[in-house]
Amino acid sequence: AELDVHGGTAIEIGTYLRRLQDGSTFDRG
């Protein structure tokens, strides 16, 4: 969602999604 680069450091904010092999979602955040 956001990526701010400050020289040799960067801050990234976003969302994640984990799926099982069958494609079903088992975790998001």
ModelCIF file with pLDDT and N, C-alpha, C, O atoms, coordinates in Angstrom:
data_MODEL
#
_entry.id   MODEL 
#
_entity.id                         1 
_entity.type                       polymer 
_entity.pdbx_number_of_molecules   1 
#
_entity_poly.entity_id                      1 
_entity_poly.type                           'polypeptide(L)' 
_entity_poly.nstd_linkage                   no 
_entity_poly.nstd_monomer                   no 
_entity_poly.pdbx_seq_one_letter_code       AELDVHGGTAIEIGTYLRRLQDGSTFDRG 
_entity_poly.pdbx_seq_one_letter_code_can   AELDVHGGTAIEIGTYLRRLQDGSTFDRG 
_entity_poly.pdbx_strand_id                 A 
#
loop_
_entity_poly_seq.entity_id 
_entity_poly_seq.num 
_entity_poly_seq.mon_id 
_entity_poly_seq.hetero 
1 1  ALA n 
1 2  GLU n 
1 3  LEU n 
1 4  ASP n 
1 5  VAL n 
1 6  HIS n 
1 7  GLY n 
1 8  GLY n 
1 9  THR n 
1 10 ALA n 
1 11 ILE n 
1 12 GLU n 
1 13 ILE n 
1 14 GLY n 
1 15 THR n 
1 16 TYR n 
1 17 LEU n 
1 18 ARG n 
1 19 ARG n 
1 20 LEU n 
1 21 GLN n 
1 22 ASP n 
1 23 GLY n 
1 24 SER n 
1 25 THR n 
1 26 PHE n 
1 27 ASP n 
1 28 ARG n 
1 29 GLY n 
#
_struct_asym.id          A 
_struct_asym.entity_id   1 
#
loop_
_ma_qa_metric.id 
_ma_qa_metric.mode 
_ma_qa_metric.name 
_ma_qa_metric.software_group_id 
_ma_qa_metric.type 
1 global pLDDT . pLDDT 
2 local  pLDDT . pLDDT 
#
_ma_qa_metric_global.metric_id      1 
_ma_qa_metric_global.metric_value   90.62 
_ma_qa_metric_global.model_id       1 
_ma_qa_metric_global.ordinal_id     1 
#
loop_
_ma_qa_metric_local.label_asym_id 
_ma_qa_metric_local.label_comp_id 
_ma_qa_metric_local.label_seq_id 
_ma_qa_metric_local.metric_id 
_ma_qa_metric_local.metric_value 
_ma_qa_metric_local.model_id 
_ma_qa_metric_local.ordinal_id 
A ALA 1  2 96.00 1 1  
A GLU 2  2 96.00 1 2  
A LEU 3  2 97.00 1 3  
A ASP 4  2 96.00 1 4  
A VAL 5  2 96.00 1 5  
A HIS 6  2 94.00 1 6  
A GLY 7  2 93.00 1 7  
A GLY 8  2 95.00 1 8  
A THR 9  2 97.00 1 9  
A ALA 10 2 97.00 1 10 
A ILE 11 2 98.00 1 11 
A GLU 12 2 98.00 1 12 
A ILE 13 2 98.00 1 13 
A GLY 14 2 97.00 1 14 
A THR 15 2 95.00 1 15 
A TYR 16 2 93.00 1 16 
A LEU 17 2 91.00 1 17 
A ARG 18 2 86.00 1 18 
A ARG 19 2 83.00 1 19 
A LEU 20 2 79.00 1 20 
A GLN 21 2 79.00 1 21 
A ASP 22 2 82.00 1 22 
A GLY 23 2 79.00 1 23 
A SER 24 2 82.00 1 24 
A THR 25 2 83.00 1 25 
A PHE 26 2 80.00 1 26 
A ASP 27 2 85.00 1 27 
A ARG 28 2 91.00 1 28 
A GLY 29 2 92.00 1 29 
#
loop_
_atom_site.group_PDB 
_atom_site.id 
_atom_site.type_symbol 
_atom_site.label_atom_id 
_atom_site.label_alt_id 
_atom_site.label_comp_id 
_atom_site.label_asym_id 
_atom_site.label_entity_id 
_atom_site.label_seq_id 
_atom_site.pdbx_PDB_ins_code 
_atom_site.Cartn_x 
_atom_site.Cartn_y 
_atom_site.Cartn_z 
_atom_site.occupancy 
_atom_site.B_iso_or_equiv 
_atom_site.pdbx_formal_charge 
_atom_site.auth_seq_id 
_atom_site.auth_comp_id 
_atom_site.auth_asym_id 
_atom_site.auth_atom_id 
_atom_site.pdbx_PDB_model_num 
ATOM 1   N N  . ALA A 1 1  ? 0.832  -1.198  0.000  1.00 96.00 ? 1  ALA A N  1 
ATOM 2   C CA . ALA A 1 1  ? 0.000  0.000   0.000  1.00 96.00 ? 1  ALA A CA 1 
ATOM 3   C C  . ALA A 1 1  ? 0.871  1.254   0.000  1.00 96.00 ? 1  ALA A C  1 
ATOM 4   O O  . ALA A 1 1  ? 0.525  2.257   -0.624 1.00 96.00 ? 1  ALA A O  1 
ATOM 5   N N  . GLU A 1 2  ? 2.003  1.192   0.703  1.00 96.00 ? 2  GLU A N  1 
ATOM 6   C CA . GLU A 1 2  ? 2.931  2.324   0.791  1.00 96.00 ? 2  GLU A CA 1 
ATOM 7   C C  . GLU A 1 2  ? 4.358  1.798   0.772  1.00 96.00 ? 2  GLU A C  1 
ATOM 8   O O  . GLU A 1 2  ? 4.645  0.739   1.330  1.00 96.00 ? 2  GLU A O  1 
ATOM 9   N N  . LEU A 1 3  ? 5.242  2.537   0.133  1.00 97.00 ? 3  LEU A N  1 
ATOM 10  C CA . LEU A 1 3  ? 6.669  2.250   0.179  1.00 97.00 ? 3  LEU A CA 1 
ATOM 11  C C  . LEU A 1 3  ? 7.397  3.584   0.185  1.00 97.00 ? 3  LEU A C  1 
ATOM 12  O O  . LEU A 1 3  ? 7.337  4.341   -0.783 1.00 97.00 ? 3  LEU A O  1 
ATOM 13  N N  . ASP A 1 4  ? 8.084  3.862   1.287  1.00 96.00 ? 4  ASP A N  1 
ATOM 14  C CA . ASP A 1 4  ? 8.849  5.100   1.432  1.00 96.00 ? 4  ASP A CA 1 
ATOM 15  C C  . ASP A 1 4  ? 10.319 4.745   1.572  1.00 96.00 ? 4  ASP A C  1 
ATOM 16  O O  . ASP A 1 4  ? 10.715 4.067   2.519  1.00 96.00 ? 4  ASP A O  1 
ATOM 17  N N  . VAL A 1 5  ? 11.126 5.207   0.624  1.00 96.00 ? 5  VAL A N  1 
ATOM 18  C CA . VAL A 1 5  ? 12.559 4.936   0.621  1.00 96.00 ? 5  VAL A CA 1 
ATOM 19  C C  . VAL A 1 5  ? 13.285 6.169   1.146  1.00 96.00 ? 5  VAL A C  1 
ATOM 20  O O  . VAL A 1 5  ? 13.053 7.288   0.688  1.00 96.00 ? 5  VAL A O  1 
ATOM 21  N N  . HIS A 1 6  ? 14.165 5.942   2.116  1.00 94.00 ? 6  HIS A N  1 
ATOM 22  C CA . HIS A 1 6  ? 14.948 7.010   2.734  1.00 94.00 ? 6  HIS A CA 1 
ATOM 23  C C  . HIS A 1 6  ? 16.412 6.572   2.748  1.00 94.00 ? 6  HIS A C  1 
ATOM 24  O O  . HIS A 1 6  ? 16.895 6.038   3.746  1.00 94.00 ? 6  HIS A O  1 
ATOM 25  N N  . GLY A 1 7  ? 17.107 6.799   1.647  1.00 93.00 ? 7  GLY A N  1 
ATOM 26  C CA . GLY A 1 7  ? 18.507 6.379   1.564  1.00 93.00 ? 7  GLY A CA 1 
ATOM 27  C C  . GLY A 1 7  ? 18.618 4.874   1.596  1.00 93.00 ? 7  GLY A C  1 
ATOM 28  O O  . GLY A 1 7  ? 18.086 4.183   0.727  1.00 93.00 ? 7  GLY A O  1 
ATOM 29  N N  . GLY A 1 8  ? 19.322 4.357   2.615  1.00 95.00 ? 8  GLY A N  1 
ATOM 30  C CA . GLY A 1 8  ? 19.544 2.920   2.745  1.00 95.00 ? 8  GLY A CA 1 
ATOM 31  C C  . GLY A 1 8  ? 18.499 2.204   3.573  1.00 95.00 ? 8  GLY A C  1 
ATOM 32  O O  . GLY A 1 8  ? 18.689 1.049   3.952  1.00 95.00 ? 8  GLY A O  1 
ATOM 33  N N  . THR A 1 9  ? 17.387 2.885   3.861  1.00 97.00 ? 9  THR A N  1 
ATOM 34  C CA . THR A 1 9  ? 16.299 2.296   4.635  1.00 97.00 ? 9  THR A CA 1 
ATOM 35  C C  . THR A 1 9  ? 14.988 2.563   3.897  1.00 97.00 ? 9  THR A C  1 
ATOM 36  O O  . THR A 1 9  ? 14.829 3.604   3.260  1.00 97.00 ? 9  THR A O  1 
ATOM 37  N N  . ALA A 1 10 ? 14.061 1.627   3.985  1.00 97.00 ? 10 ALA A N  1 
ATOM 38  C CA . ALA A 1 10 ? 12.748 1.812   3.363  1.00 97.00 ? 10 ALA A CA 1 
ATOM 39  C C  . ALA A 1 10 ? 11.686 1.218   4.278  1.00 97.00 ? 10 ALA A C  1 
ATOM 40  O O  . ALA A 1 10 ? 11.925 0.240   4.986  1.00 97.00 ? 10 ALA A O  1 
ATOM 41  N N  . ILE A 1 11 ? 10.519 1.826   4.248  1.00 98.00 ? 11 ILE A N  1 
ATOM 42  C CA . ILE A 1 11 ? 9.386  1.365   5.048  1.00 98.00 ? 11 ILE A CA 1 
ATOM 43  C C  . ILE A 1 11 ? 8.278  0.959   4.083  1.00 98.00 ? 11 ILE A C  1 
ATOM 44  O O  . ILE A 1 11 ? 7.854  1.740   3.231  1.00 98.00 ? 11 ILE A O  1 
ATOM 45  N N  . GLU A 1 12 ? 7.821  -0.281  4.238  1.00 98.00 ? 12 GLU A N  1 
ATOM 46  C CA . GLU A 1 12 ? 6.749  -0.811  3.400  1.00 98.00 ? 12 GLU A CA 1 
ATOM 47  C C  . GLU A 1 12 ? 5.576  -1.215  4.286  1.00 98.00 ? 12 GLU A C  1 
ATOM 48  O O  . GLU A 1 12 ? 5.758  -1.877  5.308  1.00 98.00 ? 12 GLU A O  1 
ATOM 49  N N  . ILE A 1 13 ? 4.379  -0.813  3.888  1.00 98.00 ? 13 ILE A N  1 
ATOM 50  C CA . ILE A 1 13 ? 3.159  -1.180  4.597  1.00 98.00 ? 13 ILE A CA 1 
ATOM 51  C C  . ILE A 1 13 ? 2.213  -1.792  3.578  1.00 98.00 ? 13 ILE A C  1 
ATOM 52  O O  . ILE A 1 13 ? 2.096  -1.303  2.455  1.00 98.00 ? 13 ILE A O  1 
ATOM 53  N N  . GLY A 1 14 ? 1.535  -2.868  3.977  1.00 97.00 ? 14 GLY A N  1 
ATOM 54  C CA . GLY A 1 14 ? 0.606  -3.492  3.047  1.00 97.00 ? 14 GLY A CA 1 
ATOM 55  C C  . GLY A 1 14 ? -0.227 -4.579  3.690  1.00 97.00 ? 14 GLY A C  1 
ATOM 56  O O  . GLY A 1 14 ? -0.347 -4.659  4.912  1.00 97.00 ? 14 GLY A O  1 
ATOM 57  N N  . THR A 1 15 ? -0.798 -5.413  2.839  1.00 95.00 ? 15 THR A N  1 
ATOM 58  C CA . THR A 1 15 ? -1.608 -6.533  3.289  1.00 95.00 ? 15 THR A CA 1 
ATOM 59  C C  . THR A 1 15 ? -1.014 -7.830  2.767  1.00 95.00 ? 15 THR A C  1 
ATOM 60  O O  . THR A 1 15 ? -0.303 -7.848  1.762  1.00 95.00 ? 15 THR A O  1 
ATOM 61  N N  . TYR A 1 16 ? -1.320 -8.920  3.472  1.00 93.00 ? 16 TYR A N  1 
ATOM 62  C CA . TYR A 1 16 ? -0.871 -10.229 3.011  1.00 93.00 ? 16 TYR A CA 1 
ATOM 63  C C  . TYR A 1 16 ? -2.039 -11.187 2.998  1.00 93.00 ? 16 TYR A C  1 
ATOM 64  O O  . TYR A 1 16 ? -3.059 -10.969 3.651  1.00 93.00 ? 16 TYR A O  1 
ATOM 65  N N  . LEU A 1 17 ? -1.863 -12.262 2.235  1.00 91.00 ? 17 LEU A N  1 
ATOM 66  C CA . LEU A 1 17 ? -2.873 -13.298 2.103  1.00 91.00 ? 17 LEU A CA 1 
ATOM 67  C C  . LEU A 1 17 ? -2.153 -14.638 1.977  1.00 91.00 ? 17 LEU A C  1 
ATOM 68  O O  . LEU A 1 17 ? -1.275 -14.802 1.130  1.00 91.00 ? 17 LEU A O  1 
ATOM 69  N N  . ARG A 1 18 ? -2.530 -15.593 2.823  1.00 86.00 ? 18 ARG A N  1 
ATOM 70  C CA . ARG A 1 18 ? -1.958 -16.942 2.753  1.00 86.00 ? 18 ARG A CA 1 
ATOM 71  C C  . ARG A 1 18 ? -3.064 -17.900 2.334  1.00 86.00 ? 18 ARG A C  1 
ATOM 72  O O  . ARG A 1 18 ? -4.165 -17.888 2.884  1.00 86.00 ? 18 ARG A O  1 
ATOM 73  N N  . ARG A 1 19 ? -2.739 -18.732 1.340  1.00 83.00 ? 19 ARG A N  1 
ATOM 74  C CA . ARG A 1 19 ? -3.700 -19.701 0.819  1.00 83.00 ? 19 ARG A CA 1 
ATOM 75  C C  . ARG A 1 19 ? -3.144 -21.118 0.928  1.00 83.00 ? 19 ARG A C  1 
ATOM 76  O O  . ARG A 1 19 ? -1.938 -21.345 0.828  1.00 83.00 ? 19 ARG A O  1 
ATOM 77  N N  . LEU A 1 20 ? -4.056 -22.055 1.134  1.00 79.00 ? 20 LEU A N  1 
ATOM 78  C CA . LEU A 1 20 ? -3.700 -23.467 1.098  1.00 79.00 ? 20 LEU A CA 1 
ATOM 79  C C  . LEU A 1 20 ? -3.547 -23.901 -0.350 1.00 79.00 ? 20 LEU A C  1 
ATOM 80  O O  . LEU A 1 20 ? -3.875 -23.155 -1.273 1.00 79.00 ? 20 LEU A O  1 
ATOM 81  N N  . GLN A 1 21 ? -3.053 -25.098 -0.536 1.00 79.00 ? 21 GLN A N  1 
ATOM 82  C CA . GLN A 1 21 ? -2.821 -25.620 -1.880 1.00 79.00 ? 21 GLN A CA 1 
ATOM 83  C C  . GLN A 1 21 ? -4.100 -25.641 -2.718 1.00 79.00 ? 21 GLN A C  1 
ATOM 84  O O  . GLN A 1 21 ? -4.041 -25.499 -3.940 1.00 79.00 ? 21 GLN A O  1 
ATOM 85  N N  . ASP A 1 22 ? -5.257 -25.818 -2.069 1.00 82.00 ? 22 ASP A N  1 
ATOM 86  C CA . ASP A 1 22 ? -6.520 -25.846 -2.804 1.00 82.00 ? 22 ASP A CA 1 
ATOM 87  C C  . ASP A 1 22 ? -7.042 -24.444 -3.150 1.00 82.00 ? 22 ASP A C  1 
ATOM 88  O O  . ASP A 1 22 ? -8.103 -24.311 -3.762 1.00 82.00 ? 22 ASP A O  1 
ATOM 89  N N  . GLY A 1 23 ? -6.300 -23.400 -2.760 1.00 79.00 ? 23 GLY A N  1 
ATOM 90  C CA . GLY A 1 23 ? -6.680 -22.028 -3.072 1.00 79.00 ? 23 GLY A CA 1 
ATOM 91  C C  . GLY A 1 23 ? -7.489 -21.332 -1.991 1.00 79.00 ? 23 GLY A C  1 
ATOM 92  O O  . GLY A 1 23 ? -7.739 -20.130 -2.079 1.00 79.00 ? 23 GLY A O  1 
ATOM 93  N N  . SER A 1 24 ? -7.901 -22.082 -0.968 1.00 82.00 ? 24 SER A N  1 
ATOM 94  C CA . SER A 1 24 ? -8.681 -21.463 0.107  1.00 82.00 ? 24 SER A CA 1 
ATOM 95  C C  . SER A 1 24 ? -7.774 -20.609 1.002  1.00 82.00 ? 24 SER A C  1 
ATOM 96  O O  . SER A 1 24 ? -6.612 -20.946 1.231  1.00 82.00 ? 24 SER A O  1 
ATOM 97  N N  . THR A 1 25 ? -8.317 -19.523 1.492  1.00 83.00 ? 25 THR A N  1 
ATOM 98  C CA . THR A 1 25 ? -7.568 -18.604 2.350  1.00 83.00 ? 25 THR A CA 1 
ATOM 99  C C  . THR A 1 25 ? -7.575 -19.118 3.779  1.00 83.00 ? 25 THR A C  1 
ATOM 100 O O  . THR A 1 25 ? -8.631 -19.467 4.306  1.00 83.00 ? 25 THR A O  1 
ATOM 101 N N  . PHE A 1 26 ? -6.388 -19.169 4.423  1.00 80.00 ? 26 PHE A N  1 
ATOM 102 C CA . PHE A 1 26 ? -6.368 -19.547 5.833  1.00 80.00 ? 26 PHE A CA 1 
ATOM 103 C C  . PHE A 1 26 ? -5.799 -18.448 6.723  1.00 80.00 ? 26 PHE A C  1 
ATOM 104 O O  . PHE A 1 26 ? -5.851 -18.566 7.947  1.00 80.00 ? 26 PHE A O  1 
ATOM 105 N N  . ASP A 1 27 ? -5.257 -17.383 6.137  1.00 85.00 ? 27 ASP A N  1 
ATOM 106 C CA . ASP A 1 27 ? -4.792 -16.257 6.949  1.00 85.00 ? 27 ASP A CA 1 
ATOM 107 C C  . ASP A 1 27 ? -4.699 -15.033 6.059  1.00 85.00 ? 27 ASP A C  1 
ATOM 108 O O  . ASP A 1 27 ? -4.313 -15.121 4.893  1.00 85.00 ? 27 ASP A O  1 
ATOM 109 N N  . ARG A 1 28 ? -5.057 -13.893 6.625  1.00 91.00 ? 28 ARG A N  1 
ATOM 110 C CA . ARG A 1 28 ? -4.906 -12.607 5.944  1.00 91.00 ? 28 ARG A CA 1 
ATOM 111 C C  . ARG A 1 28 ? -4.630 -11.571 7.018  1.00 91.00 ? 28 ARG A C  1 
ATOM 112 O O  . ARG A 1 28 ? -5.003 -11.742 8.179  1.00 91.00 ? 28 ARG A O  1 
ATOM 113 N N  . GLY A 1 29 ? -3.971 -10.495 6.613  1.00 92.00 ? 29 GLY A N  1 
ATOM 114 C CA . GLY A 1 29 ? -3.697 -9.455  7.595  1.00 92.00 ? 29 GLY A CA 1 
ATOM 115 C C  . GLY A 1 29 ? -2.925 -8.301  6.996  1.00 92.00 ? 29 GLY A C  1 
ATOM 116 O O  . GLY A 1 29 ? -2.612 -7.338  7.697  1.00 92.00 ? 29 GLY A O  1 
#
